[in-house]
């Protein structure tokens, strides 16, 4: 869960070293449930597609700046629940 980060604008992975790239390739794509709450400045959930390949549930509430989901989330074969409010 990510909540009450009032200045968070983007949520994506950017690697600047091979160690970080290994972390991205091994840990972040394993996220299956993600809850985003009270992030008024959040405008983008980014790519790459591999970041979201295991995501099954996404809950978004009070994230008024987020107008659309990334294409990779919208077309994911694993996503079962997308809730907003």
Protein backbone atom coordinates (compact mmCIF):
# COMPACT_ATOMS: atom_id res chain seq x y z
CA UNK A 1 0.00 0.00 0.00
CA UNK A 2 1.17 3.47 -0.82
CA UNK A 3 -0.71 6.21 0.97
CA UNK A 4 -0.58 9.83 2.08
CA UNK A 5 2.34 10.75 -0.21
CA UNK A 6 0.94 14.12 -1.16
CA UNK A 7 3.76 15.09 -3.54
CA UNK A 8 4.17 11.75 -5.36
CA UNK A 9 3.66 12.49 -9.07
CA UNK A 10 4.80 9.32 -10.86
CA UNK A 11 5.11 5.68 -9.92
CA UNK A 12 7.52 3.82 -12.15
CA UNK A 13 10.87 2.07 -12.09
CA UNK A 14 14.03 3.66 -13.40
CA UNK A 15 17.35 1.86 -13.11
CA UNK A 16 20.69 3.61 -12.95
CA UNK A 17 22.85 0.62 -12.05
CA UNK A 18 23.02 -3.09 -12.73
CA UNK A 19 22.24 -3.80 -9.05
CA UNK A 20 19.03 -1.83 -9.32
CA UNK A 21 18.20 -3.55 -12.60
CA UNK A 22 18.52 -6.91 -10.86
CA UNK A 23 16.16 -5.71 -8.12
CA UNK A 24 13.64 -4.55 -10.70
CA UNK A 25 13.85 -7.81 -12.59
CA UNK A 26 13.50 -9.96 -9.48
CA UNK A 27 11.33 -8.12 -6.96
CA UNK A 28 9.11 -5.37 -8.32
CA UNK A 29 7.44 -7.45 -11.05
CA UNK A 30 6.24 -9.84 -8.33
CA UNK A 31 3.79 -7.30 -6.92
CA UNK A 32 0.36 -8.93 -7.04
CA UNK A 33 -1.74 -6.46 -5.05
CA UNK A 34 -1.32 -2.70 -5.06
CA UNK A 35 -3.37 -0.17 -3.11
CA UNK A 36 -2.93 3.52 -3.80
CA UNK A 37 -4.69 5.88 -1.37
CA UNK A 38 -4.73 9.66 -0.95
CA UNK A 39 -2.10 10.51 -3.56
CA UNK A 40 -3.63 13.70 -4.99
CA UNK A 41 -0.68 14.57 -7.28
CA UNK A 42 -0.16 11.08 -8.71
CA UNK A 43 -0.65 11.41 -12.46
CA UNK A 44 1.05 8.35 -13.93
CA UNK A 45 1.65 4.66 -13.34
CA UNK A 46 4.50 3.95 -15.68
CA UNK A 47 6.02 1.27 -17.76
CA UNK A 48 7.80 -1.05 -18.44
CA UNK A 49 5.20 -3.73 -18.95
CA UNK A 50 7.23 -6.20 -16.89
CA UNK A 51 6.67 -3.99 -13.84
CA UNK A 52 2.99 -4.98 -13.81
CA UNK A 53 3.03 -8.48 -15.29
CA UNK A 54 2.02 -10.21 -12.03
CA UNK A 55 -0.39 -7.55 -10.82
CA UNK A 56 -3.77 -9.13 -10.01
CA UNK A 57 -5.48 -6.44 -7.92
CA UNK A 58 -5.29 -2.66 -8.12
CA UNK A 59 -7.22 -0.39 -5.77
CA UNK A 60 -7.09 3.37 -6.26
CA UNK A 61 -8.81 5.86 -3.96
CA UNK A 62 -8.45 9.62 -3.55
CA UNK A 63 -5.89 9.83 -6.37
CA UNK A 64 -7.62 12.64 -8.24
CA UNK A 65 -4.68 13.38 -10.55
CA UNK A 66 -4.63 9.84 -11.96
CA UNK A 67 -6.80 9.98 -15.07
CA UNK A 68 -5.88 6.72 -16.80
CA UNK A 69 -3.94 3.53 -16.23
CA UNK A 70 -0.89 2.55 -18.22
CA UNK A 71 -1.57 0.44 -21.27
CA UNK A 72 0.28 -2.52 -19.77
CA UNK A 73 -2.10 -2.56 -16.78
CA UNK A 74 -5.16 -2.20 -18.98
CA UNK A 75 -4.14 -5.15 -21.16
CA UNK A 76 -2.65 -7.40 -18.47
CA UNK A 77 -3.84 -10.99 -18.64
CA UNK A 78 -3.41 -11.44 -14.88
CA UNK A 79 -5.43 -8.49 -13.60
CA UNK A 80 -8.61 -9.65 -11.90
CA UNK A 81 -9.76 -6.63 -9.92
CA UNK A 82 -9.46 -2.90 -10.56
CA UNK A 83 -11.31 -0.75 -8.04
CA UNK A 84 -11.52 3.00 -7.78
CA UNK A 85 -13.23 5.50 -5.63
